[in-house]
């Protein structure tokens, strides 16, 4: 199956995996096939380290760059999968930080109200 999928992507997109995923996004199919990746869209990251934009853009750019090395590694499929998914954990990290911040704000507000 992996060879069929790789061949299909190469035939249709000239080996540009990033175009494949962008096409799925444009067709509103990314969430159907790769919901984890769709969660990266709009997920902000520190512009000091990632001036290219959100986690989605970064992941797609990494995937595009990794394609240049695909033929030089022993397991190209795993290599490309790792490039594409290397930042999926940021979704959990961002949600945790957001939740912690919301809890902190709520606790501060409760303290204020308790003092009144």
C-alpha atoms as a PDB file:
ATOM      1  CA  UNK A   1       0.000   0.000   0.000  1.00  0.00           C
ATOM      2  CA  UNK A   2       2.819   2.370   0.902  1.00  0.00           C
ATOM      3  CA  UNK A   3       4.324   2.020  -2.599  1.00  0.00           C
ATOM      4  CA  UNK A   4       0.947   2.687  -4.236  1.00  0.00           C
ATOM      5  CA  UNK A   5       0.356   5.807  -2.133  1.00  0.00           C
ATOM      6  CA  UNK A   6       3.894   7.093  -2.657  1.00  0.00           C
ATOM      7  CA  UNK A   7       3.601   6.488  -6.404  1.00  0.00           C
ATOM      8  CA  UNK A   8       0.239   8.259  -6.555  1.00  0.00           C
ATOM      9  CA  UNK A   9       1.584  11.311  -4.731  1.00  0.00           C
ATOM     10  CA  UNK A  10       4.658  11.386  -6.949  1.00  0.00           C
ATOM     11  CA  UNK A  11       2.595  11.071 -10.130  1.00  0.00           C
ATOM     12  CA  UNK A  12       0.059  13.743  -9.212  1.00  0.00           C
ATOM     13  CA  UNK A  13       2.210  16.188  -7.280  1.00  0.00           C
ATOM     14  CA  UNK A  14       5.709  15.602  -8.608  1.00  0.00           C
ATOM     15  CA  UNK A  15       6.849  14.228  -5.251  1.00  0.00           C
ATOM     16  CA  UNK A  16       5.701  17.382  -3.466  1.00  0.00           C
ATOM     17  CA  UNK A  17       3.984  15.934  -0.413  1.00  0.00           C
ATOM     18  CA  UNK A  18       3.258  19.454   0.800  1.00  0.00           C
ATOM     19  CA  UNK A  19       1.085  20.047  -2.276  1.00  0.00           C
ATOM     20  CA  UNK A  20      -0.785  16.833  -1.550  1.00  0.00           C
ATOM     21  CA  UNK A  21      -1.690  17.989   1.957  1.00  0.00           C
ATOM     22  CA  UNK A  22      -2.481  21.530   0.854  1.00  0.00           C
ATOM     23  CA  UNK A  23      -4.788  20.074  -1.818  1.00  0.00           C
ATOM     24  CA  UNK A  24      -6.618  18.028   0.803  1.00  0.00           C
ATOM     25  CA  UNK A  25      -7.021  21.174   2.855  1.00  0.00           C
ATOM     26  CA  UNK A  26      -8.356  23.186  -0.090  1.00  0.00           C
ATOM     27  CA  UNK A  27     -10.890  20.428  -0.826  1.00  0.00           C
ATOM     28  CA  UNK A  28     -12.022  20.384   2.844  1.00  0.00           C
ATOM     29  CA  UNK A  29     -10.817  16.801   3.087  1.00  0.00           C
ATOM     30  CA  UNK A  30      -7.881  17.221   5.459  1.00  0.00           C
ATOM     31  CA  UNK A  31     -10.090  16.688   8.513  1.00  0.00           C
ATOM     32  CA  UNK A  32     -11.520  13.522   6.952  1.00  0.00           C
ATOM     33  CA  UNK A  33      -8.166  11.860   6.291  1.00  0.00           C
ATOM     34  CA  UNK A  34      -5.826  13.578   8.753  1.00  0.00           C
ATOM     35  CA  UNK A  35      -7.781  15.273  11.562  1.00  0.00           C
ATOM     36  CA  UNK A  36      -4.630  15.547  13.663  1.00  0.00           C
ATOM     37  CA  UNK A  37      -3.008  17.684  10.985  1.00  0.00           C
ATOM     38  CA  UNK A  38      -6.028  19.930  10.684  1.00  0.00           C
ATOM     39  CA  UNK A  39      -5.616  20.713  14.368  1.00  0.00           C
ATOM     40  CA  UNK A  40      -2.308  22.408  13.527  1.00  0.00           C
ATOM     41  CA  UNK A  41      -3.977  25.049  11.346  1.00  0.00           C
ATOM     42  CA  UNK A  42      -4.038  28.372  13.152  1.00  0.00           C
ATOM     43  CA  UNK A  43      -2.086  26.999  16.121  1.00  0.00           C
ATOM     44  CA  UNK A  44       0.250  29.868  16.884  1.00  0.00           C
ATOM     45  CA  UNK A  45       3.861  29.429  17.891  1.00  0.00           C
ATOM     46  CA  UNK A  46       6.625  31.739  18.967  1.00  0.00           C
ATOM     47  CA  UNK A  47       7.462  33.938  15.951  1.00  0.00           C
ATOM     48  CA  UNK A  48      11.008  34.343  17.275  1.00  0.00           C
ATOM     49  CA  UNK A  49      11.670  30.690  16.413  1.00  0.00           C
ATOM     50  CA  UNK A  50       9.021  30.171  13.739  1.00  0.00           C
ATOM     51  CA  UNK A  51       8.544  33.342  11.689  1.00  0.00           C
ATOM     52  CA  UNK A  52       6.879  31.301   8.930  1.00  0.00           C
ATOM     53  CA  UNK A  53       3.604  31.226  10.839  1.00  0.00           C
ATOM     54  CA  UNK A  54       1.437  28.658  12.547  1.00  0.00           C
ATOM     55  CA  UNK A  55       2.297  25.020  13.264  1.00  0.00           C
ATOM     56  CA  UNK A  56       0.548  23.882  10.050  1.00  0.00           C
ATOM     57  CA  UNK A  57       2.722  26.065   7.817  1.00  0.00           C
ATOM     58  CA  UNK A  58       5.841  24.999   9.704  1.00  0.00           C
ATOM     59  CA  UNK A  59       4.971  21.297   9.432  1.00  0.00           C
ATOM     60  CA  UNK A  60       4.262  21.568   5.711  1.00  0.00           C
ATOM     61  CA  UNK A  61       7.553  23.402   5.135  1.00  0.00           C
ATOM     62  CA  UNK A  62       9.469  20.768   7.116  1.00  0.00           C
ATOM     63  CA  UNK A  63       7.798  18.038   5.057  1.00  0.00           C
ATOM     64  CA  UNK A  64       8.754  19.804   1.848  1.00  0.00           C
ATOM     65  CA  UNK A  65      12.384  20.144   2.965  1.00  0.00           C
ATOM     66  CA  UNK A  66      12.528  16.546   4.185  1.00  0.00           C
ATOM     67  CA  UNK A  67      11.516  15.322   0.734  1.00  0.00           C
ATOM     68  CA  UNK A  68      14.959  16.336  -0.520  1.00  0.00           C
ATOM     69  CA  UNK A  69      16.486  13.693   1.762  1.00  0.00           C
ATOM     70  CA  UNK A  70      13.858  10.988   1.293  1.00  0.00           C
ATOM     71  CA  UNK A  71      15.964   8.864  -1.048  1.00  0.00           C
ATOM     72  CA  UNK A  72      19.005   9.063   1.235  1.00  0.00           C
ATOM     73  CA  UNK A  73      17.455   7.382   4.285  1.00  0.00           C
ATOM     74  CA  UNK A  74      16.890   3.691   4.949  1.00  0.00           C
ATOM     75  CA  UNK A  75      13.150   4.062   5.619  1.00  0.00           C
ATOM     76  CA  UNK A  76      11.744   6.920   3.516  1.00  0.00           C
ATOM     77  CA  UNK A  77       8.135   6.334   4.568  1.00  0.00           C
ATOM     78  CA  UNK A  78       8.906   6.627   8.290  1.00  0.00           C
ATOM     79  CA  UNK A  79      11.227   9.557   7.673  1.00  0.00           C
ATOM     80  CA  UNK A  80       8.535  11.522   5.870  1.00  0.00           C
ATOM     81  CA  UNK A  81       5.892  10.581   8.428  1.00  0.00           C
ATOM     82  CA  UNK A  82       8.140  11.844  11.214  1.00  0.00           C
ATOM     83  CA  UNK A  83       8.776  15.102   9.356  1.00  0.00           C
ATOM     84  CA  UNK A  84       5.059  15.655   8.892  1.00  0.00           C
ATOM     85  CA  UNK A  85       4.016  14.782  12.436  1.00  0.00           C
ATOM     86  CA  UNK A  86       6.970  16.064  14.464  1.00  0.00           C
ATOM     87  CA  UNK A  87       4.929  18.877  16.074  1.00  0.00           C
ATOM     88  CA  UNK A  88       1.613  17.153  16.776  1.00  0.00           C
ATOM     89  CA  UNK A  89       2.380  17.361  20.495  1.00  0.00           C
ATOM     90  CA  UNK A  90       2.127  21.136  20.333  1.00  0.00           C
ATOM     91  CA  UNK A  91      -1.660  20.792  20.233  1.00  0.00           C
ATOM     92  CA  UNK A  92      -1.659  19.195  23.688  1.00  0.00           C
ATOM     93  CA  UNK A  93       0.928  21.624  24.998  1.00  0.00           C
ATOM     94  CA  UNK A  94      -1.015  24.665  23.820  1.00  0.00           C
ATOM     95  CA  UNK A  95      -4.270  23.299  25.246  1.00  0.00           C
ATOM     96  CA  UNK A  96      -2.602  22.586  28.586  1.00  0.00           C
ATOM     97  CA  UNK A  97      -1.095  26.069  28.793  1.00  0.00           C
ATOM     98  CA  UNK A  98      -4.393  27.664  27.793  1.00  0.00           C
ATOM     99  CA  UNK A  99      -6.260  25.631  30.414  1.00  0.00           C
ATOM    100  CA  UNK A 100      -3.701  26.470  33.088  1.00  0.00           C
ATOM    101  CA  UNK A 101      -3.904  30.165  32.198  1.00  0.00           C
ATOM    102  CA  UNK A 102      -7.705  30.100  32.311  1.00  0.00           C
ATOM    103  CA  UNK A 103      -7.621  28.370  35.700  1.00  0.00           C
ATOM    104  CA  UNK A 104      -5.137  30.935  37.022  1.00  0.00           C
ATOM    105  CA  UNK A 105      -7.326  33.818  35.829  1.00  0.00           C
ATOM    106  CA  UNK A 106     -10.399  32.200  37.382  1.00  0.00           C
ATOM    107  CA  UNK A 107      -8.595  31.696  40.694  1.00  0.00           C
ATOM    108  CA  UNK A 108      -7.443  35.312  40.726  1.00  0.00           C
ATOM    109  CA  UNK A 109     -10.979  36.468  39.991  1.00  0.00           C
ATOM    110  CA  UNK A 110     -12.347  34.300  42.809  1.00  0.00           C
ATOM    111  CA  UNK A 111      -9.805  35.803  45.216  1.00  0.00           C
ATOM    112  CA  UNK A 112     -10.865  39.294  44.208  1.00  0.00           C
ATOM    113  CA  UNK A 113     -14.537  38.495  44.695  1.00  0.00           C
ATOM    114  CA  UNK A 114     -13.851  36.876  48.045  1.00  0.00           C
ATOM    115  CA  UNK A 115     -12.206  40.049  49.311  1.00  0.00           C
ATOM    116  CA  UNK A 116     -15.230  42.203  48.519  1.00  0.00           C
END
